[in-house]
Amino acid sequence: MLQTFLSVEVSGFYKTFDKIGGVFLYVFLILFTLMFLYAMVKYVKR
């Protein structure tokens, strides 16, 4: 009984983590792109 409960809990946790991870990855990519563009503009204006 405990075993099935644990496996269900873990799979639910992984699904939630997967969603959060996906969102976090997109946010990180957007931030990275913005920083890159900002650095490029600063470099060009110099």
Protein backbone atom coordinates (compact mmCIF):
# COMPACT_ATOMS: atom_id res chain seq x y z
CA MET A 1 0.00 0.00 0.00
CA LEU A 2 2.73 2.45 1.00
CA GLN A 3 4.75 1.52 -2.09
CA THR A 4 1.99 2.51 -4.53
CA PHE A 5 1.34 5.73 -2.59
CA LEU A 6 5.03 6.62 -2.78
CA SER A 7 5.27 5.93 -6.51
CA VAL A 8 2.18 8.08 -7.18
CA GLU A 9 3.60 10.90 -5.05
CA VAL A 10 6.96 10.75 -6.84
CA SER A 11 5.39 10.76 -10.32
CA GLY A 12 3.21 13.75 -9.35
CA PHE A 13 6.27 15.53 -8.02
CA TYR A 14 8.17 14.85 -11.24
CA LYS A 15 5.30 16.17 -13.38
CA THR A 16 5.17 19.39 -11.36
CA PHE A 17 8.94 19.70 -11.49
CA ASP A 18 8.83 19.15 -15.26
CA LYS A 19 6.35 22.03 -15.70
CA ILE A 20 8.37 24.36 -13.47
CA GLY A 21 11.59 23.30 -15.20
CA GLY A 22 10.13 24.05 -18.63
CA VAL A 23 8.96 27.51 -17.59
CA PHE A 24 12.27 28.21 -15.86
CA LEU A 25 14.16 27.18 -18.99
CA TYR A 26 12.15 29.61 -21.14
CA VAL A 27 12.67 32.44 -18.64
CA PHE A 28 16.40 31.70 -18.57
CA LEU A 29 16.60 31.73 -22.38
CA ILE A 30 14.73 35.05 -22.60
CA LEU A 31 16.96 36.62 -19.94
CA PHE A 32 20.08 35.33 -21.69
CA THR A 33 18.92 36.75 -25.04
CA LEU A 34 18.11 40.13 -23.48
CA MET A 35 21.51 40.30 -21.78
CA PHE A 36 23.23 39.35 -25.03
CA LEU A 37 21.38 42.04 -26.99
CA TYR A 38 22.09 44.61 -24.26
CA ALA A 39 25.80 43.78 -24.33
CA MET A 40 25.84 44.00 -28.12
CA VAL A 41 24.17 47.43 -28.11
CA LYS A 42 26.59 48.71 -25.46
CA TYR A 43 29.53 47.36 -27.46
CA VAL A 44 28.32 48.94 -30.72
CA LYS A 45 27.62 52.34 -29.11
CA ARG A 46 31.15 52.49 -27.66
